[in-house]
Amino acid sequence: MKYKIIMLILIVFFILSGCIRQNENIINENIMNELSNKKVLFDNAHSQTAGNADWTIRGGFSDFATDIKNTGAKVYEWGNDESGSNQRDDDEPITYDVLKKYDVYIIPEPNKIFTKEEQNAIIKYISDGGSVFFIADHIDADRNNDGWDAVEIFNGFLKGTHQIESNNSYDDDFVGRLGFRFKEKSYSENPITKVEKHLITEGVKETGAWAGTSEYIINADKIISIINYNRESWGAYVIAGEYGKGKFVAIGDSSPIDDGTGTYGDKLYDGYSYGDNRKLMVNIIKWLALEKYSINSY
């Protein structure tokens, strides 16, 4: 009798397991169907290969690019690889006419400033319904020695020019126009486990920062923090926001996307396989690419 009961339990278990796997396959297939016509553009026109960086779809972000392709979306790149620690990227500037052809625009840790025209194009792109993933790094990570790092480039001004943690608007604000700024800080913490419930964090329990920064939220009505540093005073690590008809995500470090591959001699590390970083990054792209999701999608 006991043997029959055990066998019955095992049969039920295998049936349920099969149903779960079938359901997961259906969900994954549905996601691929939804993303099959989506186009994702990586920026490589702002010195993404300066110094030890290699934030391209062939280098340190290649696994990320492959995972995006595996969702069914198509991956493209704007700009070409440069070389040398003092490089000056000579690619064509990004424009609204270029951006409007894509559903998601990813900006991996830039080391060349965006012109005012480029900034305006990106803001208009988001306002008109586009989606952007801003990937920053710690303050003073000036990899091509031109006096600007990713924090300053995204903020639109050099360190110490303005008060970051202020709701004031400045003439040279870049992402401040969207309702946030990157702090002029350098933070390291792993694992980071203060993960809020959201579609972006579904299946995500931990991530990390290896010399990154955080964000100051100006417009709390349109921007939410979905991952926070464990040390409360450090604040938000990953935020999601809406602006006009579009939306954006910002993260304070490029390390969680870096898969450790790139040009020979570059000091790169595999942060992409740490914790739930891979899941987190794919979730971000799905959330950005699909119009039906908002900051209130839990």
C-alpha atoms as a PDB file:
ATOM      1  CA  MET A   1       0.000   0.000   0.000  1.00  0.00           C
ATOM      2  CA  LYS A   2       2.787   2.372   0.960  1.00  0.00           C
ATOM      3  CA  TYR A   3       4.541   1.557  -2.340  1.00  0.00           C
ATOM      4  CA  LYS A   4       1.395   2.465  -4.342  1.00  0.00           C
ATOM      5  CA  ILE A   5       1.045   5.769  -2.488  1.00  0.00           C
ATOM      6  CA  ILE A   6       4.672   6.650  -3.181  1.00  0.00           C
ATOM      7  CA  MET A   7       4.250   5.770  -6.834  1.00  0.00           C
ATOM      8  CA  LEU A   8       1.088   7.890  -7.032  1.00  0.00           C
ATOM      9  CA  ILE A   9       2.906  10.861  -5.465  1.00  0.00           C
ATOM     10  CA  LEU A  10       5.770  10.500  -7.943  1.00  0.00           C
ATOM     11  CA  ILE A  11       3.373  10.316 -10.905  1.00  0.00           C
ATOM     12  CA  VAL A  12       1.544  13.458  -9.750  1.00  0.00           C
ATOM     13  CA  PHE A  13       4.906  15.216  -9.210  1.00  0.00           C
ATOM     14  CA  PHE A  14       6.128  14.435 -12.733  1.00  0.00           C
ATOM     15  CA  ILE A  15       2.815  15.507 -14.265  1.00  0.00           C
ATOM     16  CA  LEU A  16       2.912  18.831 -12.417  1.00  0.00           C
ATOM     17  CA  SER A  17       6.585  19.351 -13.318  1.00  0.00           C
ATOM     18  CA  GLY A  18       5.736  18.802 -16.962  1.00  0.00           C
ATOM     19  CA  CYS A  19       2.893  21.302 -16.756  1.00  0.00           C
ATOM     20  CA  ILE A  20       5.174  23.881 -15.166  1.00  0.00           C
ATOM     21  CA  ARG A  21       7.843  23.406 -17.834  1.00  0.00           C
ATOM     22  CA  GLN A  22       5.196  23.588 -20.555  1.00  0.00           C
ATOM     23  CA  ASN A  23       3.823  26.785 -19.026  1.00  0.00           C
ATOM     24  CA  GLU A  24       7.333  28.288 -18.856  1.00  0.00           C
ATOM     25  CA  ASN A  25       7.877  27.403 -22.508  1.00  0.00           C
ATOM     26  CA  ILE A  26       4.596  29.082 -23.449  1.00  0.00           C
ATOM     27  CA  ILE A  27       5.570  32.207 -21.476  1.00  0.00           C
ATOM     28  CA  ASN A  28       9.014  32.341 -23.103  1.00  0.00           C
ATOM     29  CA  GLU A  29       7.467  31.802 -26.532  1.00  0.00           C
ATOM     30  CA  ASN A  30       4.977  34.600 -25.910  1.00  0.00           C
ATOM     31  CA  ILE A  31       7.785  36.944 -24.864  1.00  0.00           C
ATOM     32  CA  MET A  32       9.741  36.104 -28.010  1.00  0.00           C
ATOM     33  CA  ASN A  33       6.641  36.738 -30.107  1.00  0.00           C
ATOM     34  CA  GLU A  34       6.194  40.133 -28.440  1.00  0.00           C
ATOM     35  CA  LEU A  35       9.837  41.134 -28.907  1.00  0.00           C
ATOM     36  CA  SER A  36      10.357  39.661 -32.380  1.00  0.00           C
ATOM     37  CA  ASN A  37       9.741  42.986 -34.109  1.00  0.00           C
ATOM     38  CA  LYS A  38      11.650  45.096 -31.580  1.00  0.00           C
ATOM     39  CA  LYS A  39      14.937  46.811 -32.431  1.00  0.00           C
ATOM     40  CA  VAL A  40      17.588  47.620 -29.833  1.00  0.00           C
ATOM     41  CA  LEU A  41      20.397  50.101 -30.551  1.00  0.00           C
ATOM     42  CA  PHE A  42      23.685  50.124 -28.613  1.00  0.00           C
ATOM     43  CA  ASP A  43      25.647  53.385 -28.557  1.00  0.00           C
ATOM     44  CA  ASN A  44      29.324  52.985 -29.506  1.00  0.00           C
ATOM     45  CA  ALA A  45      29.929  56.570 -30.604  1.00  0.00           C
ATOM     46  CA  HIS A  46      31.001  58.019 -27.258  1.00  0.00           C
ATOM     47  CA  SER A  47      34.330  56.330 -26.486  1.00  0.00           C
ATOM     48  CA  GLN A  48      32.871  53.114 -25.068  1.00  0.00           C
ATOM     49  CA  THR A  49      36.243  51.405 -25.687  1.00  0.00           C
ATOM     50  CA  ALA A  50      38.453  53.978 -23.950  1.00  0.00           C
ATOM     51  CA  GLY A  51      41.103  52.732 -21.534  1.00  0.00           C
ATOM     52  CA  ASN A  52      40.122  49.399 -19.965  1.00  0.00           C
ATOM     53  CA  ALA A  53      36.537  49.749 -21.111  1.00  0.00           C
ATOM     54  CA  ASP A  54      35.157  47.566 -23.863  1.00  0.00           C
ATOM     55  CA  TRP A  55      31.424  48.191 -23.569  1.00  0.00           C
ATOM     56  CA  THR A  56      30.444  46.924 -27.013  1.00  0.00           C
ATOM     57  CA  ILE A  57      28.371  44.108 -28.473  1.00  0.00           C
ATOM     58  CA  ARG A  58      31.597  42.329 -29.468  1.00  0.00           C
ATOM     59  CA  GLY A  59      33.438  42.986 -26.216  1.00  0.00           C
ATOM     60  CA  GLY A  60      32.328  43.203 -22.592  1.00  0.00           C
ATOM     61  CA  PHE A  61      28.635  43.547 -23.461  1.00  0.00           C
ATOM     62  CA  SER A  62      28.587  40.673 -25.966  1.00  0.00           C
ATOM     63  CA  ASP A  63      26.771  38.228 -23.646  1.00  0.00           C
ATOM     64  CA  PHE A  64      24.176  40.904 -22.932  1.00  0.00           C
ATOM     65  CA  ALA A  65      23.691  41.491 -26.661  1.00  0.00           C
ATOM     66  CA  THR A  66      23.329  37.747 -27.244  1.00  0.00           C
ATOM     67  CA  ASP A  67      20.720  37.459 -24.497  1.00  0.00           C
ATOM     68  CA  ILE A  68      18.754  40.304 -26.072  1.00  0.00           C
ATOM     69  CA  LYS A  69      18.855  38.515 -29.416  1.00  0.00           C
ATOM     70  CA  ASN A  70      17.626  35.365 -27.691  1.00  0.00           C
ATOM     71  CA  THR A  71      14.464  37.219 -26.663  1.00  0.00           C
ATOM     72  CA  GLY A  72      13.677  37.637 -30.356  1.00  0.00           C
ATOM     73  CA  ALA A  73      14.699  41.286 -30.570  1.00  0.00           C
ATOM     74  CA  LYS A  74      17.185  42.556 -33.152  1.00  0.00           C
ATOM     75  CA  VAL A  75      20.416  44.212 -32.000  1.00  0.00           C
ATOM     76  CA  TYR A  76      22.178  47.095 -33.772  1.00  0.00           C
ATOM     77  CA  GLU A  77      25.076  49.440 -33.023  1.00  0.00           C
ATOM     78  CA  TRP A  78      25.738  53.124 -33.641  1.00  0.00           C
ATOM     79  CA  GLY A  79      29.431  53.938 -34.052  1.00  0.00           C
ATOM     80  CA  ASN A  80      32.660  51.981 -34.351  1.00  0.00           C
ATOM     81  CA  ASP A  81      35.376  50.764 -31.993  1.00  0.00           C
ATOM     82  CA  GLU A  82      38.215  53.171 -31.264  1.00  0.00           C
ATOM     83  CA  SER A  83      41.579  52.369 -29.707  1.00  0.00           C
ATOM     84  CA  GLY A  84      43.943  53.937 -27.193  1.00  0.00           C
ATOM     85  CA  SER A  85      43.505  55.394 -23.724  1.00  0.00           C
ATOM     86  CA  ASN A  86      43.435  58.978 -25.068  1.00  0.00           C
ATOM     87  CA  GLN A  87      41.019  58.230 -27.885  1.00  0.00           C
ATOM     88  CA  ARG A  88      38.721  60.871 -29.326  1.00  0.00           C
ATOM     89  CA  ASP A  89      35.700  59.181 -30.882  1.00  0.00           C
ATOM     90  CA  ASP A  90      35.048  60.534 -34.383  1.00  0.00           C
ATOM     91  CA  ASP A  91      31.754  58.756 -35.073  1.00  0.00           C
ATOM     92  CA  GLU A  92      28.741  60.627 -36.346  1.00  0.00           C
ATOM     93  CA  PRO A  93      26.550  62.165 -33.620  1.00  0.00           C
ATOM     94  CA  ILE A  94      23.319  60.427 -32.660  1.00  0.00           C
ATOM     95  CA  THR A  95      20.200  62.155 -33.972  1.00  0.00           C
ATOM     96  CA  TYR A  96      16.470  61.951 -33.437  1.00  0.00           C
ATOM     97  CA  ASP A  97      16.015  60.646 -36.989  1.00  0.00           C
ATOM     98  CA  VAL A  98      18.286  57.726 -36.129  1.00  0.00           C
ATOM     99  CA  LEU A  99      16.803  57.041 -32.710  1.00  0.00           C
ATOM    100  CA  LYS A 100      13.180  57.024 -33.848  1.00  0.00           C
ATOM    101  CA  LYS A 101      13.869  53.869 -35.882  1.00  0.00           C
ATOM    102  CA  TYR A 102      14.577  51.875 -32.690  1.00  0.00           C
ATOM    103  CA  ASP A 103      12.505  50.748 -29.725  1.00  0.00           C
ATOM    104  CA  VAL A 104      15.321  50.795 -27.158  1.00  0.00           C
ATOM    105  CA  TYR A 105      18.529  52.830 -27.045  1.00  0.00           C
ATOM    106  CA  ILE A 106      21.277  51.562 -24.702  1.00  0.00           C
ATOM    107  CA  ILE A 107      24.040  53.953 -23.641  1.00  0.00           C
ATOM    108  CA  PRO A 108      26.909  51.982 -22.071  1.00  0.00           C
ATOM    109  CA  GLU A 109      29.135  54.166 -19.859  1.00  0.00           C
ATOM    110  CA  PRO A 110      30.069  56.995 -22.242  1.00  0.00           C
ATOM    111  CA  ASN A 111      33.442  58.753 -22.080  1.00  0.00           C
ATOM    112  CA  LYS A 112      32.738  61.417 -24.671  1.00  0.00           C
ATOM    113  CA  ILE A 113      30.230  64.181 -24.007  1.00  0.00           C
ATOM    114  CA  PHE A 114      26.892  64.332 -25.797  1.00  0.00           C
ATOM    115  CA  THR A 115      26.484  67.605 -27.640  1.00  0.00           C
ATOM    116  CA  LYS A 116      23.482  69.733 -26.759  1.00  0.00           C
ATOM    117  CA  GLU A 117      21.904  68.624 -30.034  1.00  0.00           C
ATOM    118  CA  GLU A 118      22.422  64.972 -29.092  1.00  0.00           C
ATOM    119  CA  GLN A 119      20.981  65.549 -25.631  1.00  0.00           C
ATOM    120  CA  ASN A 120      17.913  67.217 -27.116  1.00  0.00           C
ATOM    121  CA  ALA A 121      17.494  64.342 -29.582  1.00  0.00           C
ATOM    122  CA  ILE A 122      17.561  61.771 -26.767  1.00  0.00           C
ATOM    123  CA  ILE A 123      15.114  63.730 -24.620  1.00  0.00           C
ATOM    124  CA  LYS A 124      12.747  64.165 -27.570  1.00  0.00           C
ATOM    125  CA  TYR A 125      13.081  60.464 -28.436  1.00  0.00           C
ATOM    126  CA  ILE A 126      11.975  59.484 -24.926  1.00  0.00           C
ATOM    127  CA  SER A 127       9.228  62.097 -24.851  1.00  0.00           C
ATOM    128  CA  ASP A 128       7.821  60.745 -28.115  1.00  0.00           C
ATOM    129  CA  GLY A 129       7.681  57.162 -26.845  1.00  0.00           C
ATOM    130  CA  GLY A 130      11.226  55.810 -27.014  1.00  0.00           C
ATOM    131  CA  SER A 131      13.061  53.921 -24.268  1.00  0.00           C
ATOM    132  CA  VAL A 132      16.622  54.457 -23.003  1.00  0.00           C
ATOM    133  CA  PHE A 133      18.910  52.455 -20.705  1.00  0.00           C
ATOM    134  CA  PHE A 134      21.480  54.771 -19.059  1.00  0.00           C
ATOM    135  CA  ILE A 135      24.535  52.855 -17.768  1.00  0.00           C
ATOM    136  CA  ALA A 136      26.883  54.972 -15.638  1.00  0.00           C
ATOM    137  CA  ASP A 137      29.942  54.313 -13.456  1.00  0.00           C
ATOM    138  CA  HIS A 138      31.675  55.934 -10.506  1.00  0.00           C
ATOM    139  CA  ILE A 139      32.818  59.555 -10.442  1.00  0.00           C
ATOM    140  CA  ASP A 140      36.322  60.196 -11.831  1.00  0.00           C
ATOM    141  CA  ALA A 141      36.180  57.189 -14.196  1.00  0.00           C
ATOM    142  CA  ASP A 142      37.586  59.328 -17.012  1.00  0.00           C
ATOM    143  CA  ARG A 143      38.944  56.600 -19.272  1.00  0.00           C
ATOM    144  CA  ASN A 144      40.119  58.728 -22.195  1.00  0.00           C
ATOM    145  CA  ASN A 145      41.561  61.599 -20.137  1.00  0.00           C
ATOM    146  CA  ASP A 146      39.397  64.283 -21.713  1.00  0.00           C
ATOM    147  CA  GLY A 147      38.214  65.647 -18.357  1.00  0.00           C
ATOM    148  CA  TRP A 148      34.764  64.019 -18.468  1.00  0.00           C
ATOM    149  CA  ASP A 149      33.469  60.772 -16.953  1.00  0.00           C
ATOM    150  CA  ALA A 150      30.095  59.031 -17.392  1.00  0.00           C
ATOM    151  CA  VAL A 151      28.526  60.665 -14.318  1.00  0.00           C
ATOM    152  CA  GLU A 152      29.437  64.128 -15.558  1.00  0.00           C
ATOM    153  CA  ILE A 153      28.457  63.325 -19.151  1.00  0.00           C
ATOM    154  CA  PHE A 154      25.006  62.106 -18.166  1.00  0.00           C
ATOM    155  CA  ASN A 155      24.485  64.971 -15.742  1.00  0.00           C
ATOM    156  CA  GLY A 156      25.633  67.447 -18.384  1.00  0.00           C
ATOM    157  CA  PHE A 157      28.166  69.271 -16.233  1.00  0.00           C
ATOM    158  CA  LEU A 158      31.497  68.731 -14.477  1.00  0.00           C
ATOM    159  CA  LYS A 159      31.859  67.631 -10.858  1.00  0.00           C
ATOM    160  CA  GLY A 160      31.227  70.407  -8.365  1.00  0.00           C
ATOM    161  CA  THR A 161      29.471  72.690 -10.854  1.00  0.00           C
ATOM    162  CA  HIS A 162      26.018  72.307  -9.313  1.00  0.00           C
ATOM    163  CA  GLN A 163      24.360  70.724  -6.301  1.00  0.00           C
ATOM    164  CA  ILE A 164      23.341  67.225  -7.357  1.00  0.00           C
ATOM    165  CA  GLU A 165      20.816  66.579  -4.612  1.00  0.00           C
ATOM    166  CA  SER A 166      18.624  69.523  -5.454  1.00  0.00           C
ATOM    167  CA  ASN A 167      15.294  69.910  -7.210  1.00  0.00           C
ATOM    168  CA  ASN A 168      16.574  73.021  -8.940  1.00  0.00           C
ATOM    169  CA  SER A 169      16.887  72.873 -12.721  1.00  0.00           C
ATOM    170  CA  TYR A 170      20.099  73.961 -14.408  1.00  0.00           C
ATOM    171  CA  ASP A 171      20.675  75.219 -17.945  1.00  0.00           C
ATOM    172  CA  ASP A 172      23.200  72.432 -18.569  1.00  0.00           C
ATOM    173  CA  ASP A 173      21.105  69.589 -17.093  1.00  0.00           C
ATOM    174  CA  PHE A 174      20.955  66.470 -19.274  1.00  0.00           C
ATOM    175  CA  VAL A 175      19.286  63.582 -17.414  1.00  0.00           C
ATOM    176  CA  GLY A 176      18.140  66.144 -14.863  1.00  0.00           C
ATOM    177  CA  ARG A 177      15.545  67.114 -17.446  1.00  0.00           C
ATOM    178  CA  LEU A 178      14.143  63.587 -17.078  1.00  0.00           C
ATOM    179  CA  GLY A 179      13.887  63.957 -13.309  1.00  0.00           C
ATOM    180  CA  PHE A 180      17.098  62.500 -11.833  1.00  0.00           C
ATOM    181  CA  ARG A 181      20.870  62.930 -11.620  1.00  0.00           C
ATOM    182  CA  PHE A 182      23.769  60.590 -10.987  1.00  0.00           C
ATOM    183  CA  LYS A 183      25.561  61.320  -7.729  1.00  0.00           C
ATOM    184  CA  GLU A 184      29.224  62.290  -7.813  1.00  0.00           C
ATOM    185  CA  LYS A 185      30.169  59.255  -5.723  1.00  0.00           C
ATOM    186  CA  SER A 186      31.988  55.915  -5.846  1.00  0.00           C
ATOM    187  CA  TYR A 187      30.305  52.983  -4.083  1.00  0.00           C
ATOM    188  CA  SER A 188      31.099  49.284  -3.932  1.00  0.00           C
ATOM    189  CA  GLU A 189      28.753  46.718  -2.414  1.00  0.00           C
ATOM    190  CA  ASN A 190      27.988  43.083  -3.140  1.00  0.00           C
ATOM    191  CA  PRO A 191      25.659  41.517  -2.827  1.00  0.00           C
ATOM    192  CA  ILE A 192      23.028  44.237  -3.046  1.00  0.00           C
ATOM    193  CA  THR A 193      19.808  42.669  -1.831  1.00  0.00           C
ATOM    194  CA  LYS A 194      17.385  45.581  -1.302  1.00  0.00           C
ATOM    195  CA  VAL A 195      15.255  44.646  -4.301  1.00  0.00           C
ATOM    196  CA  GLU A 196      11.766  46.097  -4.664  1.00  0.00           C
ATOM    197  CA  LYS A 197       8.891  44.161  -6.229  1.00  0.00           C
ATOM    198  CA  HIS A 198       8.592  45.103  -9.897  1.00  0.00           C
ATOM    199  CA  LEU A 199       8.467  43.425 -13.311  1.00  0.00           C
ATOM    200  CA  ILE A 200      12.097  44.424 -13.815  1.00  0.00           C
ATOM    201  CA  THR A 201      13.139  42.613 -10.641  1.00  0.00           C
ATOM    202  CA  GLU A 202      11.074  39.472 -11.229  1.00  0.00           C
ATOM    203  CA  GLY A 203      13.346  36.543 -10.363  1.00  0.00           C
ATOM    204  CA  VAL A 204      16.065  38.902  -9.101  1.00  0.00           C
ATOM    205  CA  LYS A 205      17.299  38.547  -5.532  1.00  0.00           C
ATOM    206  CA  GLU A 206      20.750  40.098  -5.676  1.00  0.00           C
ATOM    207  CA  THR A 207      23.108  42.177  -7.768  1.00  0.00           C
ATOM    208  CA  GLY A 208      26.256  44.154  -7.009  1.00  0.00           C
ATOM    209  CA  ALA A 209      28.239  47.342  -7.589  1.00  0.00           C
ATOM    210  CA  TRP A 210      31.993  47.409  -8.022  1.00  0.00           C
ATOM    211  CA  ALA A 211      32.897  51.105  -7.880  1.00  0.00           C
ATOM    212  CA  GLY A 212      29.608  52.525  -9.105  1.00  0.00           C
ATOM    213  CA  THR A 213      27.368  55.390  -8.113  1.00  0.00           C
ATOM    214  CA  SER A 214      23.727  56.045  -7.235  1.00  0.00           C
ATOM    215  CA  GLU A 215      20.941  58.304  -8.443  1.00  0.00           C
ATOM    216  CA  TYR A 216      19.223  61.288  -6.890  1.00  0.00           C
ATOM    217  CA  ILE A 217      15.541  61.285  -7.818  1.00  0.00           C
ATOM    218  CA  ILE A 218      14.119  64.743  -8.522  1.00  0.00           C
ATOM    219  CA  ASN A 219      10.686  63.726  -9.791  1.00  0.00           C
ATOM    220  CA  ALA A 220       9.374  61.026  -7.443  1.00  0.00           C
ATOM    221  CA  ASP A 221       5.989  61.071  -9.204  1.00  0.00           C
ATOM    222  CA  LYS A 222       7.477  59.671 -12.400  1.00  0.00           C
ATOM    223  CA  ILE A 223      10.567  57.794 -11.167  1.00  0.00           C
ATOM    224  CA  ILE A 224      10.876  54.875  -8.753  1.00  0.00           C
ATOM    225  CA  SER A 225      13.859  53.137  -7.221  1.00  0.00           C
ATOM    226  CA  ILE A 226      13.647  49.402  -7.840  1.00  0.00           C
ATOM    227  CA  ILE A 227      17.015  48.391  -6.370  1.00  0.00           C
ATOM    228  CA  ASN A 228      18.676  50.243  -3.504  1.00  0.00           C
ATOM    229  CA  TYR A 229      22.078  49.923  -1.903  1.00  0.00           C
ATOM    230  CA  ASN A 230      21.950  47.998   1.358  1.00  0.00           C
ATOM    231  CA  ARG A 231      23.571  50.990   3.031  1.00  0.00           C
ATOM    232  CA  GLU A 232      20.557  53.267   3.198  1.00  0.00           C
ATOM    233  CA  SER A 233      22.461  56.547   2.951  1.00  0.00           C
ATOM    234  CA  TRP A 234      23.829  55.549  -0.471  1.00  0.00           C
ATOM    235  CA  GLY A 235      20.359  55.527  -1.993  1.00  0.00           C
ATOM    236  CA  ALA A 236      19.084  54.186  -5.308  1.00  0.00           C
ATOM    237  CA  TYR A 237      21.149  51.890  -7.523  1.00  0.00           C
ATOM    238  CA  VAL A 238      18.650  51.043 -10.286  1.00  0.00           C
ATOM    239  CA  ILE A 239      15.744  53.345 -11.128  1.00  0.00           C
ATOM    240  CA  ALA A 240      12.911  53.229 -13.657  1.00  0.00           C
ATOM    241  CA  GLY A 241      11.081  56.272 -14.897  1.00  0.00           C
ATOM    242  CA  GLU A 242       8.645  57.743 -17.377  1.00  0.00           C
ATOM    243  CA  TYR A 243       8.947  60.946 -19.365  1.00  0.00           C
ATOM    244  CA  GLY A 244       6.309  62.063 -21.831  1.00  0.00           C
ATOM    245  CA  LYS A 245       5.211  58.970 -23.758  1.00  0.00           C
ATOM    246  CA  GLY A 246       8.482  57.117 -23.154  1.00  0.00           C
ATOM    247  CA  LYS A 247      10.467  55.563 -20.328  1.00  0.00           C
ATOM    248  CA  PHE A 248      13.972  54.866 -19.134  1.00  0.00           C
ATOM    249  CA  VAL A 249      16.078  52.846 -16.715  1.00  0.00           C
ATOM    250  CA  ALA A 250      19.315  53.980 -15.104  1.00  0.00           C
ATOM    251  CA  ILE A 251      21.955  51.946 -13.262  1.00  0.00           C
ATOM    252  CA  GLY A 252      24.943  53.295 -11.343  1.00  0.00           C
ATOM    253  CA  ASP A 253      27.582  50.846 -12.577  1.00  0.00           C
ATOM    254  CA  SER A 254      28.669  49.169 -15.810  1.00  0.00           C
ATOM    255  CA  SER A 255      30.244  46.180 -14.021  1.00  0.00           C
ATOM    256  CA  PRO A 256      27.040  44.081 -13.766  1.00  0.00           C
ATOM    257  CA  ILE A 257      26.841  44.007 -17.570  1.00  0.00           C
ATOM    258  CA  ASP A 258      30.557  43.393 -18.194  1.00  0.00           C
ATOM    259  CA  ASP A 259      31.098  39.729 -19.134  1.00  0.00           C
ATOM    260  CA  GLY A 260      34.888  39.890 -18.930  1.00  0.00           C
ATOM    261  CA  THR A 261      35.588  39.661 -22.678  1.00  0.00           C
ATOM    262  CA  GLY A 262      37.192  42.311 -24.842  1.00  0.00           C
ATOM    263  CA  THR A 263      40.373  43.586 -26.434  1.00  0.00           C
ATOM    264  CA  TYR A 264      43.558  41.834 -25.356  1.00  0.00           C
ATOM    265  CA  GLY A 265      45.198  43.709 -22.485  1.00  0.00           C
ATOM    266  CA  ASP A 266      42.028  45.352 -21.145  1.00  0.00           C
ATOM    267  CA  LYS A 267      41.360  44.659 -17.474  1.00  0.00           C
ATOM    268  CA  LEU A 268      37.828  43.314 -17.616  1.00  0.00           C
ATOM    269  CA  TYR A 269      35.875  41.237 -15.104  1.00  0.00           C
ATOM    270  CA  ASP A 270      32.871  38.963 -15.414  1.00  0.00           C
ATOM    271  CA  GLY A 271      30.181  40.731 -13.420  1.00  0.00           C
ATOM    272  CA  TYR A 272      27.418  39.582 -15.750  1.00  0.00           C
ATOM    273  CA  SER A 273      27.355  36.079 -14.290  1.00  0.00           C
ATOM    274  CA  TYR A 274      27.314  37.363 -10.700  1.00  0.00           C
ATOM    275  CA  GLY A 275      24.113  36.909  -8.709  1.00  0.00           C
ATOM    276  CA  ASP A 276      21.044  37.644 -10.827  1.00  0.00           C
ATOM    277  CA  ASN A 277      22.641  40.262 -13.079  1.00  0.00           C
ATOM    278  CA  ARG A 278      21.874  38.379 -16.276  1.00  0.00           C
ATOM    279  CA  LYS A 279      18.192  38.069 -15.381  1.00  0.00           C
ATOM    280  CA  LEU A 280      18.051  41.708 -14.297  1.00  0.00           C
ATOM    281  CA  MET A 281      19.475  43.045 -17.555  1.00  0.00           C
ATOM    282  CA  VAL A 282      17.155  40.989 -19.759  1.00  0.00           C
ATOM    283  CA  ASN A 283      14.188  42.066 -17.632  1.00  0.00           C
ATOM    284  CA  ILE A 284      15.189  45.705 -18.130  1.00  0.00           C
ATOM    285  CA  ILE A 285      15.158  45.329 -21.910  1.00  0.00           C
ATOM    286  CA  LYS A 286      11.793  43.543 -21.890  1.00  0.00           C
ATOM    287  CA  TRP A 287      10.280  46.281 -19.727  1.00  0.00           C
ATOM    288  CA  LEU A 288      11.717  49.031 -21.907  1.00  0.00           C
ATOM    289  CA  ALA A 289      10.758  47.396 -25.207  1.00  0.00           C
ATOM    290  CA  LEU A 290       7.123  46.610 -24.437  1.00  0.00           C
ATOM    291  CA  GLU A 291       4.815  49.626 -24.410  1.00  0.00           C
ATOM    292  CA  LYS A 292       2.245  47.931 -22.154  1.00  0.00           C
ATOM    293  CA  TYR A 293       4.565  48.109 -19.136  1.00  0.00           C
ATOM    294  CA  SER A 294       4.777  51.177 -16.911  1.00  0.00           C
ATOM    295  CA  ILE A 295       6.610  52.063 -13.702  1.00  0.00           C
ATOM    296  CA  ASN A 296       3.552  50.686 -11.905  1.00  0.00           C
ATOM    297  CA  SER A 297       3.869  47.241 -13.519  1.00  0.00           C
ATOM    298  CA  TYR A 298       4.416  44.878 -10.637  1.00  0.00           C
END
